[in-house]
Amino acid sequence: MRSAVLQLARTRTAMDRRQVLRAAIRQLERADLYFDAVAAMEIDDRDARRAVQVLRRDIEALRRHLISLRADT
């Protein structure tokens, strides 16, 4: 896995590309857990809450996109 991530994109095999996409998806899932933790802190700031919501939506959209890319390989 690590070697697949460290390779230049143009030298990756199809299997390496799937592994890299799977690793990226897992990292985004972990990031979402951190946003859960921040949201649970109930920071009394509207801009902070809005920023967390925007970031969570963006991360979810990217995760879905990577999943579709992985399905295509």
C-alpha atoms as a PDB file:
ATOM      1  CA  MET A   1       0.000   0.000   0.000  1.00  0.00           C
ATOM      2  CA  ARG A   2       2.613   2.515   1.040  1.00  0.00           C
ATOM      3  CA  SER A   3       4.635   1.906  -2.099  1.00  0.00           C
ATOM      4  CA  ALA A   4       1.540   2.528  -4.232  1.00  0.00           C
ATOM      5  CA  VAL A   5       0.971   5.870  -2.521  1.00  0.00           C
ATOM      6  CA  LEU A   6       4.599   6.911  -2.929  1.00  0.00           C
ATOM      7  CA  GLN A   7       4.767   6.122  -6.644  1.00  0.00           C
ATOM      8  CA  LEU A   8       4.289   8.840  -9.186  1.00  0.00           C
ATOM      9  CA  ALA A   9       0.740   8.770 -10.510  1.00  0.00           C
ATOM     10  CA  ARG A  10       1.824   7.963 -14.066  1.00  0.00           C
ATOM     11  CA  THR A  11       3.747   4.855 -12.954  1.00  0.00           C
ATOM     12  CA  ARG A  12       0.939   3.285 -10.907  1.00  0.00           C
ATOM     13  CA  THR A  13      -0.743   0.124 -12.066  1.00  0.00           C
ATOM     14  CA  ALA A  14      -4.534  -0.168 -11.993  1.00  0.00           C
ATOM     15  CA  MET A  15      -4.272  -2.089  -8.712  1.00  0.00           C
ATOM     16  CA  ASP A  16      -1.982   0.582  -7.245  1.00  0.00           C
ATOM     17  CA  ARG A  17      -4.476   3.265  -8.281  1.00  0.00           C
ATOM     18  CA  ARG A  18      -7.323   1.390  -6.537  1.00  0.00           C
ATOM     19  CA  GLN A  19      -5.208   1.072  -3.384  1.00  0.00           C
ATOM     20  CA  VAL A  20      -4.377   4.781  -3.413  1.00  0.00           C
ATOM     21  CA  LEU A  21      -8.036   5.707  -3.883  1.00  0.00           C
ATOM     22  CA  ARG A  22      -9.031   3.363  -1.039  1.00  0.00           C
ATOM     23  CA  ALA A  23      -6.408   4.984   1.236  1.00  0.00           C
ATOM     24  CA  ALA A  24      -7.645   8.463   0.299  1.00  0.00           C
ATOM     25  CA  ILE A  25     -11.245   7.467   1.036  1.00  0.00           C
ATOM     26  CA  ARG A  26     -10.236   6.157   4.462  1.00  0.00           C
ATOM     27  CA  GLN A  27      -8.386   9.384   5.227  1.00  0.00           C
ATOM     28  CA  LEU A  28     -11.482  11.412   4.357  1.00  0.00           C
ATOM     29  CA  GLU A  29     -13.571   9.192   6.642  1.00  0.00           C
ATOM     30  CA  ARG A  30     -11.101   9.901   9.446  1.00  0.00           C
ATOM     31  CA  ALA A  31     -11.288  13.622   8.740  1.00  0.00           C
ATOM     32  CA  ASP A  32     -15.059  13.440   9.111  1.00  0.00           C
ATOM     33  CA  LEU A  33     -14.572  11.974  12.594  1.00  0.00           C
ATOM     34  CA  TYR A  34     -12.474  15.001  13.529  1.00  0.00           C
ATOM     35  CA  PHE A  35     -15.222  17.311  12.303  1.00  0.00           C
ATOM     36  CA  ASP A  36     -17.666  15.332  14.470  1.00  0.00           C
ATOM     37  CA  ALA A  37     -15.410  16.032  17.434  1.00  0.00           C
ATOM     38  CA  VAL A  38     -15.248  19.745  16.652  1.00  0.00           C
ATOM     39  CA  ALA A  39     -19.024  19.920  16.198  1.00  0.00           C
ATOM     40  CA  ALA A  40     -19.509  18.165  19.543  1.00  0.00           C
ATOM     41  CA  MET A  41     -17.504  20.910  21.258  1.00  0.00           C
ATOM     42  CA  GLU A  42     -20.468  23.208  20.645  1.00  0.00           C
ATOM     43  CA  ILE A  43     -18.357  26.243  19.865  1.00  0.00           C
ATOM     44  CA  ASP A  44     -20.688  29.180  20.250  1.00  0.00           C
ATOM     45  CA  ASP A  45     -19.772  30.817  16.974  1.00  0.00           C
ATOM     46  CA  ARG A  46     -22.006  30.852  13.919  1.00  0.00           C
ATOM     47  CA  ASP A  47     -19.147  31.255  11.434  1.00  0.00           C
ATOM     48  CA  ALA A  48     -17.277  28.310  12.965  1.00  0.00           C
ATOM     49  CA  ARG A  49     -20.374  26.088  12.789  1.00  0.00           C
ATOM     50  CA  ARG A  50     -20.985  27.120   9.197  1.00  0.00           C
ATOM     51  CA  ALA A  51     -17.352  26.444   8.238  1.00  0.00           C
ATOM     52  CA  VAL A  52     -17.520  22.962   9.790  1.00  0.00           C
ATOM     53  CA  GLN A  53     -20.717  22.238   7.863  1.00  0.00           C
ATOM     54  CA  VAL A  54     -19.195  23.414   4.580  1.00  0.00           C
ATOM     55  CA  LEU A  55     -16.044  21.374   5.124  1.00  0.00           C
ATOM     56  CA  ARG A  56     -18.036  18.262   6.010  1.00  0.00           C
ATOM     57  CA  ARG A  57     -20.148  18.615   2.847  1.00  0.00           C
ATOM     58  CA  ASP A  58     -17.015  19.116   0.737  1.00  0.00           C
ATOM     59  CA  ILE A  59     -15.290  16.107   2.287  1.00  0.00           C
ATOM     60  CA  GLU A  60     -18.363  13.951   1.697  1.00  0.00           C
ATOM     61  CA  ALA A  61     -18.589  15.104  -1.927  1.00  0.00           C
ATOM     62  CA  LEU A  62     -14.907  14.313  -2.457  1.00  0.00           C
ATOM     63  CA  ARG A  63     -15.298  10.913  -0.781  1.00  0.00           C
ATOM     64  CA  ARG A  64     -18.225  10.031  -3.075  1.00  0.00           C
ATOM     65  CA  HIS A  65     -16.223  11.191  -6.093  1.00  0.00           C
ATOM     66  CA  LEU A  66     -13.244   9.034  -5.139  1.00  0.00           C
ATOM     67  CA  ILE A  67     -15.535   6.059  -4.602  1.00  0.00           C
ATOM     68  CA  SER A  68     -16.910   6.506  -8.114  1.00  0.00           C
ATOM     69  CA  LEU A  69     -13.384   6.776  -9.516  1.00  0.00           C
ATOM     70  CA  ARG A  70     -12.432   3.581  -7.730  1.00  0.00           C
ATOM     71  CA  ALA A  71     -15.465   1.811  -9.169  1.00  0.00           C
ATOM     72  CA  ASP A  72     -14.391   2.872 -12.665  1.00  0.00           C
ATOM     73  CA  THR A  73     -10.912   1.333 -12.368  1.00  0.00           C
END
